Amino acid sequence: MTIPARYETVGNALADLPQLSTFNQLVRRSGVIVDLDEEGPYTVFSPTNEAFARLPEHSLGRIVNDPYQLERFVRHHIVVGRLEGSEIAGHATLPTMIGVDLSVMDVEPGPWVGGARVLDTNIGAANGIVHTIDTPLAVD
């Protein structure tokens, strides 16, 4: 079953969902919004605001103030292609836009992607899909 497109783009979905406002701001500040407003398809693993709030106080500031690191951080949360929630666990890894693979584990309550638990799945857009996660993904 294909998830219906509730939004025109995944960028619109990020902008519309208040619980994703921090990640939305990072996507826009990094310039990656240009990609997310294009054809795609994209699968975005977006940390919730609550996930960002649990980070150590200065860790996000270091990323935000370095344009290269910010873009790399944001792109690490995006997979080219459209994966619905039920399809995530069928993969051992998922390649991100920066070429670094995210490990996938199908463990309850899961799935888990890159060490983050997938919370809400299947926020559909015409050019992809957004899944929320419980922690920002670390970039090596």
Protein backbone atom coordinates (compact mmCIF):
# COMPACT_ATOMS: atom_id res chain seq x y z
CA MET A 1 0.00 0.00 0.00
CA THR A 2 1.40 3.38 -0.98
CA ILE A 3 1.16 6.14 1.60
CA PRO A 4 -0.80 9.09 0.21
CA ALA A 5 0.95 12.41 -0.33
CA ARG A 6 -0.28 14.78 2.34
CA TYR A 7 2.28 17.42 1.29
CA GLU A 8 3.64 18.66 -2.03
CA THR A 9 7.26 18.23 -0.86
CA VAL A 10 9.11 16.83 2.12
CA GLY A 11 10.30 20.40 2.71
CA ASN A 12 6.65 21.48 3.08
CA ALA A 13 6.06 18.65 5.56
CA LEU A 14 9.02 19.74 7.70
CA ALA A 15 7.79 23.35 7.64
CA ASP A 16 4.24 22.39 8.61
CA LEU A 17 4.94 20.07 11.54
CA PRO A 18 5.66 22.03 14.75
CA GLN A 19 7.43 19.08 16.41
CA LEU A 20 10.05 19.20 13.61
CA SER A 21 10.74 22.95 13.67
CA THR A 22 14.36 22.63 14.81
CA PHE A 23 15.28 20.24 12.01
CA ASN A 24 13.30 22.38 9.56
CA GLN A 25 15.38 25.43 10.55
CA LEU A 26 18.61 23.45 10.08
CA VAL A 27 17.48 22.18 6.66
CA ARG A 28 16.75 25.74 5.53
CA ARG A 29 19.90 27.26 7.04
CA SER A 30 22.06 24.59 5.39
CA GLY A 31 20.54 25.16 1.96
CA VAL A 32 19.48 21.51 1.65
CA ILE A 33 15.88 22.71 1.31
CA VAL A 34 16.67 23.33 -2.37
CA ASP A 35 17.06 19.56 -2.82
CA LEU A 36 14.05 18.66 -0.68
CA ASP A 37 11.80 20.90 -2.75
CA GLU A 38 12.84 19.14 -5.98
CA GLU A 39 11.47 15.99 -7.56
CA GLY A 40 13.19 13.41 -5.33
CA PRO A 41 12.17 10.97 -4.07
CA TYR A 42 13.63 11.35 -0.60
CA THR A 43 13.25 9.61 2.72
CA VAL A 44 13.93 12.01 5.58
CA PHE A 45 14.63 10.83 9.11
CA SER A 46 13.84 13.97 11.10
CA PRO A 47 14.75 14.27 14.76
CA THR A 48 11.96 15.78 16.84
CA ASN A 49 12.43 19.00 18.79
CA GLU A 50 12.46 16.85 21.93
CA ALA A 51 15.37 14.86 20.49
CA PHE A 52 17.37 18.05 19.92
CA ALA A 53 16.53 19.27 23.44
CA ARG A 54 18.33 16.23 24.90
CA LEU A 55 21.64 17.12 23.21
CA PRO A 56 24.45 18.60 25.30
CA GLU A 57 24.12 22.37 25.46
CA HIS A 58 26.81 23.42 22.96
CA SER A 59 26.83 20.49 20.54
CA LEU A 60 24.20 21.91 18.20
CA GLY A 61 25.84 25.35 18.22
CA ARG A 62 29.11 23.89 16.89
CA ILE A 63 27.25 22.32 13.98
CA VAL A 64 25.10 25.36 13.19
CA ASN A 65 28.10 27.70 13.11
CA ASP A 66 30.07 25.58 10.61
CA PRO A 67 28.34 25.61 7.18
CA TYR A 68 30.17 22.48 5.99
CA GLN A 69 29.32 20.49 9.12
CA LEU A 70 25.72 21.75 9.09
CA GLU A 71 25.11 20.63 5.51
CA ARG A 72 26.81 17.28 6.20
CA PHE A 73 24.72 16.81 9.37
CA VAL A 74 21.43 17.52 7.57
CA ARG A 75 22.26 15.35 4.53
CA HIS A 76 23.14 12.48 6.89
CA HIS A 77 19.42 12.34 7.81
CA ILE A 78 18.29 11.92 4.18
CA VAL A 79 18.20 8.82 1.99
CA VAL A 80 17.63 9.13 -1.75
CA GLY A 81 14.55 7.06 -2.59
CA ARG A 82 11.21 6.58 -0.90
CA LEU A 83 11.03 4.05 1.92
CA GLU A 84 7.77 3.62 3.75
CA GLY A 85 7.90 2.57 7.40
CA SER A 86 7.14 -1.05 6.59
CA GLU A 87 10.10 -1.17 4.17
CA ILE A 88 12.80 0.18 6.50
CA ALA A 89 13.42 -3.07 8.39
CA GLY A 90 13.94 -4.92 5.11
CA HIS A 91 17.36 -3.27 4.78
CA ALA A 92 20.59 -3.88 6.70
CA THR A 93 21.84 -0.39 5.86
CA LEU A 94 20.56 2.74 4.15
CA PRO A 95 22.92 5.04 2.21
CA THR A 96 22.58 8.71 3.14
CA MET A 97 23.07 11.68 0.83
CA ILE A 98 26.65 12.03 2.10
CA GLY A 99 27.49 8.43 1.21
CA VAL A 100 27.61 7.15 4.79
CA ASP A 101 25.42 4.13 5.51
CA LEU A 102 22.95 4.09 8.39
CA SER A 103 22.64 0.72 10.07
CA VAL A 104 19.10 -0.64 10.39
CA MET A 105 17.89 -2.87 13.21
CA ASP A 106 14.42 -4.35 13.48
CA VAL A 107 14.19 -4.44 17.27
CA GLU A 108 11.08 -3.56 19.27
CA PRO A 109 10.06 -0.90 19.62
CA GLY A 110 11.56 -0.18 16.27
CA PRO A 111 12.81 -0.05 13.69
CA TRP A 112 16.07 1.66 14.58
CA VAL A 113 18.09 3.62 12.02
CA GLY A 114 21.63 4.79 12.70
CA GLY A 115 21.11 4.27 16.43
CA ALA A 116 17.87 6.27 16.56
CA ARG A 117 14.44 4.79 17.14
CA VAL A 118 11.91 5.58 14.43
CA LEU A 119 8.92 7.13 16.21
CA ASP A 120 6.33 8.15 13.63
CA THR A 121 6.41 6.89 10.09
CA ASN A 122 4.85 7.67 6.79
CA ILE A 123 4.35 11.43 6.66
CA GLY A 124 3.77 11.36 2.91
CA ALA A 125 4.78 13.96 0.34
CA ALA A 126 4.63 13.91 -3.43
CA ASN A 127 8.44 13.78 -3.58
CA GLY A 128 9.10 11.44 -0.67
CA ILE A 129 8.34 10.62 2.91
CA VAL A 130 9.31 11.80 6.41
CA HIS A 131 9.83 9.61 9.47
CA THR A 132 10.51 11.10 12.90
CA ILE A 133 13.32 9.77 15.09
CA ASP A 134 14.17 10.08 18.78
CA THR A 135 17.74 11.36 18.46
CA PRO A 136 19.81 13.27 15.91
CA LEU A 137 22.09 11.00 13.88
CA ALA A 138 25.79 11.35 14.57
CA VAL A 139 28.03 12.00 11.58
CA ASP A 140 31.46 10.37 11.68
